[in-house]
Amino acid sequence: MSTPELDWFKSSYSSAQGDSCIEVAITERAVHVRDSKNVARRPFAVGREGWAHFVSFVAARD
């Protein structure tokens, strides 16, 4: 799956060095996720509802 047309961004919580981060690209049907250190590696996608559950879970642990 090639996704060069996606608009990738990092979390505002990412450090200035950009290490140990993921990048996400949001589309109408899914959230695509990739490793910011290896953008050539194939990203994966998760449904928007699944992503919302993940973000809620992580936020509750913060």
Protein backbone atom coordinates (compact mmCIF):
# COMPACT_ATOMS: atom_id res chain seq x y z
CA MET A 1 0.00 0.00 0.00
CA SER A 2 1.61 3.25 -1.08
CA THR A 3 0.46 6.37 0.75
CA PRO A 4 2.57 9.28 -0.56
CA GLU A 5 -0.50 11.49 -0.96
CA LEU A 6 -1.29 11.45 2.75
CA ASP A 7 -0.66 14.50 4.94
CA TRP A 8 1.56 13.09 7.72
CA PHE A 9 2.09 14.87 11.03
CA LYS A 10 3.70 14.21 14.41
CA SER A 11 2.15 14.73 17.80
CA SER A 12 2.65 18.10 19.44
CA TYR A 13 4.15 16.09 22.32
CA SER A 14 7.07 14.96 20.12
CA SER A 15 10.48 16.14 21.20
CA ALA A 16 12.47 18.61 19.14
CA GLN A 17 14.89 15.82 18.21
CA GLY A 18 12.04 13.87 16.61
CA ASP A 19 13.16 10.54 18.03
CA SER A 20 10.85 7.75 19.13
CA CYS A 21 7.81 9.23 17.40
CA ILE A 22 5.05 8.07 15.20
CA GLU A 23 3.39 10.05 12.47
CA VAL A 24 -0.27 9.87 11.61
CA ALA A 25 -2.33 10.80 8.59
CA ILE A 26 -6.09 11.05 8.97
CA THR A 27 -8.46 10.22 6.17
CA GLU A 28 -12.23 9.97 6.04
CA ARG A 29 -12.19 6.22 6.78
CA ALA A 30 -8.96 5.54 8.69
CA VAL A 31 -5.97 6.80 10.62
CA HIS A 32 -2.68 5.75 9.05
CA VAL A 33 0.33 5.29 11.33
CA ARG A 34 4.05 5.09 10.53
CA ASP A 35 7.40 5.23 12.28
CA SER A 36 8.90 8.72 11.93
CA LYS A 37 12.43 7.29 11.93
CA ASN A 38 11.72 4.94 9.03
CA VAL A 39 9.12 6.50 6.74
CA ALA A 40 9.97 4.06 3.95
CA ARG A 41 8.58 1.23 6.10
CA ARG A 42 5.02 0.29 5.27
CA PRO A 43 2.48 2.13 7.47
CA PHE A 44 -0.61 0.51 8.93
CA ALA A 45 -4.14 1.84 9.15
CA VAL A 46 -6.78 1.57 11.83
CA GLY A 47 -10.43 2.60 11.68
CA ARG A 48 -11.25 6.00 13.12
CA GLU A 49 -13.37 4.48 15.89
CA GLY A 50 -10.54 2.16 16.92
CA TRP A 51 -8.12 5.09 16.93
CA ALA A 52 -10.49 7.10 19.12
CA HIS A 53 -10.60 4.24 21.65
CA PHE A 54 -6.79 4.01 21.61
CA VAL A 55 -6.35 7.76 22.18
CA SER A 56 -8.90 7.71 25.02
CA PHE A 57 -7.09 4.80 26.66
CA VAL A 58 -3.71 6.52 26.42
CA ALA A 59 -5.10 9.84 27.70
CA ALA A 60 -6.62 8.12 30.73
CA ARG A 61 -3.19 6.70 31.64
CA ASP A 62 -1.41 10.06 31.44
